[in-house]
Protein backbone atom coordinates (compact mmCIF):
# COMPACT_ATOMS: atom_id res chain seq x y z
CA MET A 1 86.47 -37.71 143.20
CA LYS A 2 85.68 -36.02 139.86
CA LYS A 3 86.33 -32.60 141.43
CA MET A 4 89.75 -33.72 142.66
CA ILE A 5 90.69 -34.98 139.20
CA GLY A 6 89.41 -31.73 137.68
CA PHE A 7 91.46 -29.60 140.11
CA ALA A 8 94.56 -31.73 139.53
CA LEU A 9 94.18 -31.44 135.76
CA ALA A 10 93.64 -27.67 135.99
CA PHE A 11 96.71 -27.34 138.22
CA VAL A 12 98.86 -29.29 135.76
CA LEU A 13 97.65 -27.21 132.80
CA VAL A 14 98.25 -23.91 134.62
CA THR A 15 101.70 -25.06 135.73
CA ILE A 16 102.66 -26.04 132.17
CA GLY A 17 101.33 -22.71 130.89
CA VAL A 18 103.31 -20.67 133.40
CA ILE A 19 106.51 -22.59 132.73
CA ASN A 20 106.22 -22.03 128.97
CA ILE A 21 105.54 -18.27 129.13
CA ASP A 22 108.45 -16.17 127.91
CA TRP A 23 108.33 -13.29 130.41
CA ASN A 24 110.90 -11.34 128.35
CA ARG A 25 108.37 -11.02 125.52
CA LEU A 26 105.01 -10.86 127.27
CA GLY A 27 103.39 -7.42 127.15
CA LYS A 28 106.30 -5.71 125.42
CA GLU A 29 106.24 -3.15 122.60
CA ASN A 30 107.71 -4.31 119.28
CA VAL A 31 110.15 -2.24 117.25
CA TYR A 32 112.12 -3.25 114.17
CA VAL A 33 115.77 -2.86 113.16
CA GLN A 34 118.09 -3.98 110.43
CA VAL A 35 121.36 -5.29 111.84
CA GLY A 36 124.34 -3.07 111.13
CA ASP A 37 127.83 -2.89 112.56
CA VAL A 38 128.67 -3.97 116.09
CA THR A 39 129.09 -0.93 118.33
CA ASN A 40 131.06 -2.63 121.11
CA VAL A 41 132.41 -6.06 122.02
CA GLU A 42 132.84 -6.92 125.70
CA GLU A 43 135.11 -9.82 126.57
CA THR A 44 134.92 -11.68 129.86
CA THR A 45 137.37 -14.40 130.87
CA LEU A 46 135.80 -17.16 132.93
CA ASP A 47 137.61 -19.03 135.70
CA SER A 48 138.11 -21.89 133.23
CA GLY A 49 140.05 -19.56 130.93
CA GLU A 50 137.30 -19.49 128.32
CA VAL A 51 136.67 -16.06 126.80
CA VAL A 52 133.00 -15.06 126.44
CA ARG A 53 132.09 -12.20 124.11
CA ARG A 54 129.00 -9.99 124.24
CA TYR A 55 128.20 -7.95 121.12
CA THR A 56 126.43 -4.62 121.63
CA TYR A 57 124.46 -2.78 118.95
CA GLU A 58 123.26 0.83 119.13
CA THR A 59 120.88 1.81 116.36
CA LYS A 60 117.61 3.43 115.45
CA ALA A 61 114.50 1.22 115.54
CA TYR A 62 111.02 1.87 114.17
CA ASP A 63 107.63 0.87 115.51
CA ALA A 64 104.72 -0.34 113.35
CA ASP A 65 103.79 3.30 112.59
CA GLY A 66 107.32 4.17 111.47
CA GLU A 67 108.10 6.23 114.60
CA PRO A 68 111.84 6.19 115.41
CA GLN A 69 113.36 5.14 118.71
CA ASN A 70 117.03 4.81 119.69
CA VAL A 71 117.81 1.35 121.07
CA THR A 72 120.78 -0.49 122.51
CA PHE A 73 120.78 -4.27 122.70
CA SER A 74 123.31 -7.05 122.97
CA ALA A 75 123.74 -10.61 121.79
CA ALA A 76 125.92 -13.55 122.73
CA LYS A 77 127.05 -13.89 119.10
CA GLU A 78 127.68 -11.48 116.27
CA LEU A 79 124.41 -11.05 114.40
CA ARG A 80 124.06 -11.47 110.64
CA GLN A 81 124.65 -8.17 108.81
CA GLY A 82 121.46 -6.95 107.13
CA ALA A 83 119.14 -9.27 109.08
CA PHE A 84 115.81 -7.82 110.22
CA LEU A 85 115.00 -8.10 113.92
CA MET A 86 111.82 -7.57 115.89
CA LEU A 87 112.87 -6.24 119.29
CA TYR A 88 110.77 -6.54 122.44
CA VAL A 89 111.03 -3.27 124.38
CA LYS A 90 109.72 -2.13 127.75
CA ASP A 91 110.70 1.17 129.41
CA ASP A 92 113.35 1.79 126.73
CA ALA A 93 115.08 -1.52 127.53
CA VAL A 94 115.31 -4.33 124.97
CA THR A 95 114.36 -7.57 126.69
CA SER A 96 114.53 -9.97 123.75
CA TYR A 97 114.58 -10.17 119.96
CA ASP A 98 113.62 -12.45 117.06
CA GLU A 99 115.01 -12.48 113.55
CA VAL A 100 112.13 -11.94 111.10
CA GLU A 101 111.69 -11.90 107.35
CA VAL A 102 111.48 -8.50 105.68
CA SER A 103 107.86 -9.31 104.80
CA ASP A 104 107.09 -9.57 108.54
CA VAL A 105 108.21 -5.97 109.16
CA PRO A 106 105.25 -3.54 109.05
CA LYS A 107 105.25 -1.40 105.91
CA ALA A 108 105.82 1.93 107.71
CA ALA A 109 108.85 0.54 109.55
CA ARG A 110 110.16 -1.26 106.44
CA GLU A 111 110.13 2.00 104.46
CA LYS A 112 112.35 3.66 107.10
CA LEU A 113 114.80 0.77 107.31
């Protein structure tokens, strides 16, 4: 009986852990950017008539060692000018991003931005 309760508890914990993992961020390289001008805005009209905009940014990003990398990423809203972002990158594709404080940007990258 104790084994069954132990297995059930382990199953529940593993299930909760898997559900809460953000696969877009797991195992990705981090690079840093400072938000500049929008490069492109794509508009899509839904069947309901609502217009959805997607804002695309093309810029240079820097890793923790200050090495440059060209990146393209998009957002569902226009991002705050001058904000610092930590991008999650895998195979030259940005999978996600977080806005960070300037103090969270590694020194080598901060000096280039």
